[in-house]
Amino acid sequence: MPEIGVSLRPVGGSVVVGQARDHTVTIDRPKEKEGTDAGPMGGELLLLALGGCYVSTFLAALRAADSQADASEVGFQVDGTLVSAPARFSEITVRVSAPAALQHLISKPLLKAERGCIVHNSIRDAVTVRFTHEWR
């Protein structure tokens, strides 16, 4: 099986710089958690990773179904519910908002994204992940 790897290095205080291929991300804690707020914290990155994986997988599935499809009116929001002892997400909700007129076009690619996202497949046994759709 192929492997995916990233590297990380502390650069001062609570700031960490992560490297993935040619991409750099700054990770930090918010000021109220004694950080400098130089970047998102790890939990936020987990939500971004899930959302980014889901949306990019959705876009690939949508393009495979219709190469001219426009997803610019589709919105995505990822929220995590925190619990303590130990601190963790007990539930993550991925909300999709789209015009009702797109429902027939995007429903199947959304399901394919839910099933094909590496991050979702990796965490789904550890935390409840809910996908919801709002057709407006």
N, C-alpha and C. Protein backbone atom coordinates (compact mmCIF):
# COMPACT_ATOMS: atom_id res chain seq x y z
N MET A 1 0.84 -1.19 0.00
CA MET A 1 0.00 0.00 0.00
C MET A 1 0.88 1.25 0.00
N PRO A 2 0.46 2.28 -0.72
CA PRO A 2 1.21 3.53 -0.69
C PRO A 2 1.08 4.20 0.68
N GLU A 3 2.06 5.00 1.00
CA GLU A 3 2.04 5.76 2.24
C GLU A 3 1.96 7.23 1.93
N ILE A 4 1.35 7.98 2.84
CA ILE A 4 1.33 9.43 2.77
C ILE A 4 2.01 9.92 4.02
N GLY A 5 2.90 10.89 3.89
CA GLY A 5 3.60 11.41 5.05
C GLY A 5 3.70 12.92 5.02
N VAL A 6 3.80 13.50 6.18
CA VAL A 6 4.01 14.93 6.35
C VAL A 6 5.13 15.11 7.36
N SER A 7 5.73 16.30 7.39
CA SER A 7 6.75 16.59 8.40
C SER A 7 6.33 17.82 9.18
N LEU A 8 6.78 17.90 10.43
CA LEU A 8 6.43 19.01 11.31
C LEU A 8 7.68 19.46 12.06
N ARG A 9 7.74 20.79 12.35
CA ARG A 9 8.84 21.28 13.16
C ARG A 9 8.36 22.45 14.01
N PRO A 10 8.72 22.46 15.29
CA PRO A 10 8.38 23.60 16.13
C PRO A 10 9.24 24.80 15.73
N VAL A 11 8.63 25.99 15.71
CA VAL A 11 9.38 27.18 15.30
C VAL A 11 9.37 28.27 16.37
N GLY A 12 8.84 27.97 17.55
CA GLY A 12 8.84 28.92 18.64
C GLY A 12 7.50 29.01 19.31
N GLY A 13 7.53 29.08 20.63
CA GLY A 13 6.28 29.13 21.38
C GLY A 13 5.45 27.89 21.10
N SER A 14 4.21 28.10 20.74
CA SER A 14 3.32 26.97 20.43
C SER A 14 3.15 26.77 18.93
N VAL A 15 3.94 27.47 18.13
CA VAL A 15 3.79 27.43 16.67
C VAL A 15 4.56 26.25 16.09
N VAL A 16 3.87 25.54 15.21
CA VAL A 16 4.45 24.39 14.50
C VAL A 16 4.23 24.64 13.01
N VAL A 17 5.23 24.33 12.21
CA VAL A 17 5.09 24.42 10.76
C VAL A 17 5.05 23.00 10.22
N GLY A 18 4.00 22.73 9.45
CA GLY A 18 3.84 21.42 8.83
C GLY A 18 4.12 21.51 7.34
N GLN A 19 4.67 20.45 6.80
CA GLN A 19 4.99 20.38 5.38
C GLN A 19 4.35 19.14 4.79
N ALA A 20 3.56 19.31 3.72
CA ALA A 20 2.96 18.21 2.97
C ALA A 20 3.29 18.45 1.50
N ARG A 21 4.10 17.59 0.94
CA ARG A 21 4.62 17.80 -0.41
C ARG A 21 5.26 19.19 -0.47
N ASP A 22 4.81 20.06 -1.35
CA ASP A 22 5.36 21.41 -1.46
C ASP A 22 4.52 22.45 -0.73
N HIS A 23 3.63 22.00 0.15
CA HIS A 23 2.69 22.89 0.83
C HIS A 23 3.05 23.02 2.30
N THR A 24 2.96 24.25 2.79
CA THR A 24 3.29 24.54 4.18
C THR A 24 2.04 25.04 4.90
N VAL A 25 1.87 24.58 6.13
CA VAL A 25 0.76 25.04 6.96
C VAL A 25 1.31 25.38 8.35
N THR A 26 0.83 26.50 8.88
CA THR A 26 1.21 26.90 10.23
C THR A 26 0.12 26.47 11.20
N ILE A 27 0.53 25.84 12.27
CA ILE A 27 -0.40 25.32 13.27
C ILE A 27 -0.08 26.01 14.59
N ASP A 28 -1.10 26.46 15.29
CA ASP A 28 -0.89 27.16 16.56
C ASP A 28 -2.14 27.04 17.41
N ARG A 29 -2.04 27.53 18.60
CA ARG A 29 -3.16 27.56 19.52
C ARG A 29 -3.71 28.98 19.55
N PRO A 30 -4.99 29.15 19.87
CA PRO A 30 -5.53 30.50 20.00
C PRO A 30 -4.92 31.20 21.22
N LYS A 31 -5.00 32.52 21.24
CA LYS A 31 -4.43 33.29 22.34
C LYS A 31 -5.02 32.87 23.68
N GLU A 32 -6.33 32.57 23.71
CA GLU A 32 -6.95 32.18 24.98
C GLU A 32 -6.46 30.82 25.48
N LYS A 33 -5.72 30.09 24.64
CA LYS A 33 -5.11 28.82 25.05
C LYS A 33 -3.59 28.96 25.07
N GLU A 34 -3.14 30.20 25.31
CA GLU A 34 -1.72 30.53 25.45
C GLU A 34 -0.90 30.32 24.18
N GLY A 35 -1.56 30.45 23.03
CA GLY A 35 -0.85 30.42 21.76
C GLY A 35 -0.72 31.83 21.21
N THR A 36 -0.30 31.94 19.97
CA THR A 36 -0.19 33.25 19.32
C THR A 36 -1.18 33.40 18.18
N ASP A 37 -2.01 32.40 17.95
CA ASP A 37 -3.04 32.42 16.91
C ASP A 37 -2.43 32.62 15.52
N ALA A 38 -1.27 32.00 15.29
CA ALA A 38 -0.59 32.12 14.00
C ALA A 38 -1.19 31.20 12.94
N GLY A 39 -2.09 30.31 13.35
CA GLY A 39 -2.71 29.39 12.41
C GLY A 39 -3.77 28.59 13.14
N PRO A 40 -4.48 27.73 12.43
CA PRO A 40 -5.50 26.89 13.07
C PRO A 40 -4.84 25.90 14.03
N MET A 41 -5.61 25.49 15.03
CA MET A 41 -5.11 24.46 15.94
C MET A 41 -5.44 23.08 15.36
N GLY A 42 -4.89 22.05 15.97
CA GLY A 42 -5.01 20.70 15.44
C GLY A 42 -6.44 20.25 15.22
N GLY A 43 -7.33 20.52 16.17
CA GLY A 43 -8.73 20.12 16.02
C GLY A 43 -9.39 20.78 14.83
N GLU A 44 -9.06 22.07 14.62
CA GLU A 44 -9.61 22.77 13.45
C GLU A 44 -9.05 22.16 12.17
N LEU A 45 -7.78 21.78 12.20
CA LEU A 45 -7.20 21.14 11.02
C LEU A 45 -7.86 19.80 10.72
N LEU A 46 -8.25 19.07 11.77
CA LEU A 46 -8.96 17.82 11.54
C LEU A 46 -10.29 18.09 10.84
N LEU A 47 -11.01 19.12 11.28
CA LEU A 47 -12.28 19.47 10.63
C LEU A 47 -12.03 19.93 9.19
N LEU A 48 -10.98 20.74 8.99
CA LEU A 48 -10.64 21.17 7.64
C LEU A 48 -10.23 19.98 6.77
N ALA A 49 -9.49 19.04 7.35
CA ALA A 49 -9.06 17.87 6.59
C ALA A 49 -10.26 17.03 6.15
N LEU A 50 -11.19 16.82 7.08
CA LEU A 50 -12.40 16.07 6.72
C LEU A 50 -13.19 16.81 5.65
N GLY A 51 -13.41 18.10 5.87
CA GLY A 51 -14.17 18.88 4.89
C GLY A 51 -13.48 18.96 3.55
N GLY A 52 -12.18 19.20 3.56
CA GLY A 52 -11.43 19.30 2.30
C GLY A 52 -11.42 18.00 1.53
N CYS A 53 -11.26 16.90 2.24
CA CYS A 53 -11.27 15.57 1.61
C CYS A 53 -12.65 15.29 1.02
N TYR A 54 -13.68 15.56 1.80
CA TYR A 54 -15.06 15.32 1.36
C TYR A 54 -15.40 16.17 0.13
N VAL A 55 -15.08 17.46 0.19
CA VAL A 55 -15.44 18.36 -0.91
C VAL A 55 -14.63 18.02 -2.16
N SER A 56 -13.35 17.75 -2.03
CA SER A 56 -12.56 17.44 -3.23
C SER A 56 -12.99 16.11 -3.84
N THR A 57 -13.37 15.14 -3.00
CA THR A 57 -13.88 13.86 -3.52
C THR A 57 -15.23 14.08 -4.20
N PHE A 58 -16.07 14.92 -3.60
CA PHE A 58 -17.36 15.28 -4.22
C PHE A 58 -17.14 15.92 -5.58
N LEU A 59 -16.22 16.87 -5.67
CA LEU A 59 -15.98 17.56 -6.94
C LEU A 59 -15.49 16.60 -8.02
N ALA A 60 -14.63 15.66 -7.64
CA ALA A 60 -14.15 14.66 -8.61
C ALA A 60 -15.31 13.78 -9.08
N ALA A 61 -16.17 13.36 -8.16
CA ALA A 61 -17.33 12.53 -8.54
C ALA A 61 -18.31 13.32 -9.39
N LEU A 62 -18.50 14.59 -9.07
CA LEU A 62 -19.40 15.44 -9.85
C LEU A 62 -18.87 15.63 -11.27
N ARG A 63 -17.57 15.90 -11.40
CA ARG A 63 -16.97 16.07 -12.74
C ARG A 63 -17.05 14.78 -13.54
N ALA A 64 -16.91 13.64 -12.87
CA ALA A 64 -17.02 12.35 -13.58
C ALA A 64 -18.43 12.15 -14.11
N ALA A 65 -19.42 12.64 -13.36
CA ALA A 65 -20.82 12.49 -13.79
C ALA A 65 -21.20 13.52 -14.84
N ASP A 66 -20.65 14.73 -14.74
CA ASP A 66 -20.99 15.82 -15.65
C ASP A 66 -19.84 16.82 -15.66
N SER A 67 -19.03 16.75 -16.69
CA SER A 67 -17.81 17.59 -16.74
C SER A 67 -18.11 19.08 -16.77
N GLN A 68 -19.34 19.47 -17.06
CA GLN A 68 -19.70 20.89 -17.12
C GLN A 68 -20.45 21.36 -15.87
N ALA A 69 -20.63 20.48 -14.89
CA ALA A 69 -21.41 20.82 -13.69
C ALA A 69 -20.73 21.95 -12.92
N ASP A 70 -21.54 22.85 -12.40
CA ASP A 70 -21.07 24.00 -11.64
C ASP A 70 -21.48 23.82 -10.17
N ALA A 71 -20.50 23.74 -9.29
CA ALA A 71 -20.78 23.54 -7.86
C ALA A 71 -20.58 24.81 -7.06
N SER A 72 -20.49 25.95 -7.73
CA SER A 72 -20.19 27.19 -7.03
C SER A 72 -21.27 27.63 -6.05
N GLU A 73 -22.49 27.13 -6.19
CA GLU A 73 -23.56 27.49 -5.27
C GLU A 73 -23.73 26.48 -4.13
N VAL A 74 -22.86 25.49 -4.09
CA VAL A 74 -22.93 24.49 -3.03
C VAL A 74 -22.01 24.94 -1.89
N GLY A 75 -22.55 24.98 -0.67
CA GLY A 75 -21.77 25.39 0.49
C GLY A 75 -21.56 24.22 1.44
N PHE A 76 -20.46 24.26 2.17
CA PHE A 76 -20.11 23.19 3.10
C PHE A 76 -19.69 23.80 4.44
N GLN A 77 -20.13 23.20 5.52
CA GLN A 77 -19.77 23.61 6.88
C GLN A 77 -19.48 22.36 7.68
N VAL A 78 -18.38 22.36 8.43
CA VAL A 78 -18.02 21.21 9.26
C VAL A 78 -17.90 21.69 10.70
N ASP A 79 -18.67 21.08 11.61
CA ASP A 79 -18.67 21.46 13.02
C ASP A 79 -18.42 20.23 13.88
N GLY A 80 -17.60 20.40 14.90
CA GLY A 80 -17.32 19.31 15.83
C GLY A 80 -17.81 19.64 17.22
N THR A 81 -18.40 18.66 17.88
CA THR A 81 -18.84 18.80 19.27
C THR A 81 -17.75 18.25 20.17
N LEU A 82 -17.24 19.10 21.07
CA LEU A 82 -16.15 18.71 21.95
C LEU A 82 -16.66 18.16 23.28
N VAL A 83 -15.97 17.15 23.77
CA VAL A 83 -16.17 16.65 25.13
C VAL A 83 -14.78 16.57 25.77
N SER A 84 -14.76 16.41 27.10
CA SER A 84 -13.47 16.39 27.79
C SER A 84 -13.21 15.03 28.43
N ALA A 85 -12.02 14.90 28.97
CA ALA A 85 -11.54 13.74 29.74
C ALA A 85 -11.58 12.44 28.96
N PRO A 86 -10.81 12.28 27.92
CA PRO A 86 -9.90 13.24 27.34
C PRO A 86 -10.61 14.15 26.32
N ALA A 87 -10.00 15.31 26.06
CA ALA A 87 -10.57 16.24 25.09
C ALA A 87 -10.60 15.59 23.71
N ARG A 88 -11.78 15.63 23.08
CA ARG A 88 -11.93 15.00 21.76
C ARG A 88 -13.27 15.43 21.17
N PHE A 89 -13.43 15.14 19.88
CA PHE A 89 -14.72 15.35 19.24
C PHE A 89 -15.59 14.12 19.52
N SER A 90 -16.81 14.35 20.00
CA SER A 90 -17.74 13.23 20.17
C SER A 90 -18.59 13.04 18.93
N GLU A 91 -18.72 14.11 18.17
CA GLU A 91 -19.52 14.07 16.94
C GLU A 91 -19.04 15.16 16.01
N ILE A 92 -19.05 14.87 14.74
CA ILE A 92 -18.73 15.86 13.71
C ILE A 92 -19.88 15.86 12.71
N THR A 93 -20.34 17.05 12.38
CA THR A 93 -21.42 17.19 11.40
C THR A 93 -20.89 17.93 10.18
N VAL A 94 -21.11 17.33 9.02
CA VAL A 94 -20.78 17.96 7.74
C VAL A 94 -22.10 18.38 7.12
N ARG A 95 -22.28 19.69 6.96
CA ARG A 95 -23.53 20.22 6.41
C ARG A 95 -23.29 20.69 4.97
N VAL A 96 -24.16 20.24 4.10
CA VAL A 96 -24.13 20.66 2.71
C VAL A 96 -25.38 21.50 2.46
N SER A 97 -25.19 22.66 1.86
CA SER A 97 -26.31 23.53 1.51
C SER A 97 -26.23 23.80 0.02
N ALA A 98 -27.35 23.55 -0.67
CA ALA A 98 -27.36 23.71 -2.12
C ALA A 98 -28.76 24.05 -2.60
N PRO A 99 -28.86 24.71 -3.75
CA PRO A 99 -30.18 24.96 -4.32
C PRO A 99 -30.91 23.65 -4.62
N ALA A 100 -32.21 23.63 -4.35
CA ALA A 100 -33.01 22.43 -4.60
C ALA A 100 -32.90 21.98 -6.05
N ALA A 101 -32.70 22.91 -6.95
CA ALA A 101 -32.60 22.56 -8.38
C ALA A 101 -31.39 21.67 -8.68
N LEU A 102 -30.39 21.65 -7.79
CA LEU A 102 -29.20 20.83 -8.01
C LEU A 102 -29.29 19.45 -7.36
N GLN A 103 -30.35 19.20 -6.61
CA GLN A 103 -30.44 17.95 -5.85
C GLN A 103 -30.25 16.72 -6.74
N HIS A 104 -30.91 16.69 -7.88
CA HIS A 104 -30.81 15.53 -8.77
C HIS A 104 -29.39 15.34 -9.30
N LEU A 105 -28.66 16.43 -9.47
CA LEU A 105 -27.31 16.38 -10.03
C LEU A 105 -26.26 16.00 -9.00
N ILE A 106 -26.40 16.48 -7.77
CA ILE A 106 -25.31 16.31 -6.80
C ILE A 106 -25.54 15.24 -5.73
N SER A 107 -26.74 14.71 -5.60
CA SER A 107 -27.00 13.72 -4.55
C SER A 107 -26.07 12.51 -4.64
N LYS A 108 -25.92 11.94 -5.82
CA LYS A 108 -25.08 10.75 -5.98
C LYS A 108 -23.60 11.08 -5.75
N PRO A 109 -23.06 12.18 -6.32
CA PRO A 109 -21.67 12.53 -6.02
C PRO A 109 -21.42 12.81 -4.53
N LEU A 110 -22.42 13.37 -3.83
CA LEU A 110 -22.26 13.59 -2.38
C LEU A 110 -22.13 12.26 -1.65
N LEU A 111 -22.94 11.28 -2.03
CA LEU A 111 -22.85 9.95 -1.41
C LEU A 111 -21.51 9.29 -1.73
N LYS A 112 -21.06 9.42 -2.97
CA LYS A 112 -19.76 8.86 -3.35
C LYS A 112 -18.64 9.52 -2.53
N ALA A 113 -18.76 10.82 -2.28
CA ALA A 113 -17.75 11.52 -1.50
C ALA A 113 -17.75 11.03 -0.05
N GLU A 114 -18.92 10.82 0.49
CA GLU A 114 -19.03 10.32 1.87
C GLU A 114 -18.35 8.96 1.99
N ARG A 115 -18.54 8.11 1.01
CA ARG A 115 -17.97 6.76 1.04
C ARG A 115 -16.50 6.72 0.62
N GLY A 116 -16.05 7.72 -0.16
CA GLY A 116 -14.70 7.67 -0.72
C GLY A 116 -13.67 8.54 -0.04
N CYS A 117 -14.07 9.38 0.89
CA CYS A 117 -13.15 10.29 1.56
C CYS A 117 -12.24 9.52 2.52
N ILE A 118 -10.94 9.62 2.33
CA ILE A 118 -9.96 8.91 3.15
C ILE A 118 -10.09 9.32 4.62
N VAL A 119 -10.26 10.60 4.88
CA VAL A 119 -10.34 11.08 6.27
C VAL A 119 -11.58 10.50 6.95
N HIS A 120 -12.72 10.57 6.28
CA HIS A 120 -13.94 10.00 6.87
C HIS A 120 -13.78 8.51 7.13
N ASN A 121 -13.25 7.79 6.17
CA ASN A 121 -13.06 6.35 6.34
C ASN A 121 -12.10 6.05 7.49
N SER A 122 -11.15 6.95 7.75
CA SER A 122 -10.16 6.74 8.80
C SER A 122 -10.70 7.02 10.20
N ILE A 123 -11.64 7.96 10.33
CA ILE A 123 -12.10 8.36 11.66
C ILE A 123 -13.49 7.86 12.03
N ARG A 124 -14.22 7.30 11.09
CA ARG A 124 -15.63 6.99 11.34
C ARG A 124 -15.86 5.97 12.45
N ASP A 125 -14.90 5.12 12.75
CA ASP A 125 -15.08 4.19 13.85
C ASP A 125 -14.72 4.82 15.20
N ALA A 126 -14.08 5.99 15.17
CA ALA A 126 -13.67 6.66 16.41
C ALA A 126 -14.62 7.78 16.81
N VAL A 127 -15.30 8.37 15.86
CA VAL A 127 -16.19 9.50 16.14
C VAL A 127 -17.38 9.42 15.19
N THR A 128 -18.54 9.80 15.69
CA THR A 128 -19.73 9.83 14.84
C THR A 128 -19.61 10.98 13.86
N VAL A 129 -19.72 10.70 12.59
CA VAL A 129 -19.71 11.73 11.55
C VAL A 129 -21.06 11.70 10.86
N ARG A 130 -21.75 12.83 10.90
CA ARG A 130 -23.07 12.94 10.27
C ARG A 130 -22.97 13.86 9.05
N PHE A 131 -23.60 13.46 7.99
CA PHE A 131 -23.67 14.27 6.78
C PHE A 131 -25.12 14.71 6.62
N THR A 132 -25.35 16.00 6.53
CA THR A 132 -26.70 16.51 6.36
C THR A 132 -26.76 17.36 5.10
N HIS A 133 -27.95 17.42 4.50
CA HIS A 133 -28.15 18.20 3.27
C HIS A 133 -29.33 19.16 3.46
N GLU A 134 -29.12 20.38 3.09
CA GLU A 134 -30.18 21.39 3.11
C GLU A 134 -30.40 21.85 1.67
N TRP A 135 -31.59 21.61 1.17
CA TRP A 135 -31.93 22.02 -0.20
C TRP A 135 -32.74 23.30 -0.10
N ARG A 136 -32.20 24.37 -0.64
CA ARG A 136 -32.86 25.67 -0.52
C ARG A 136 -33.41 26.15 -1.84
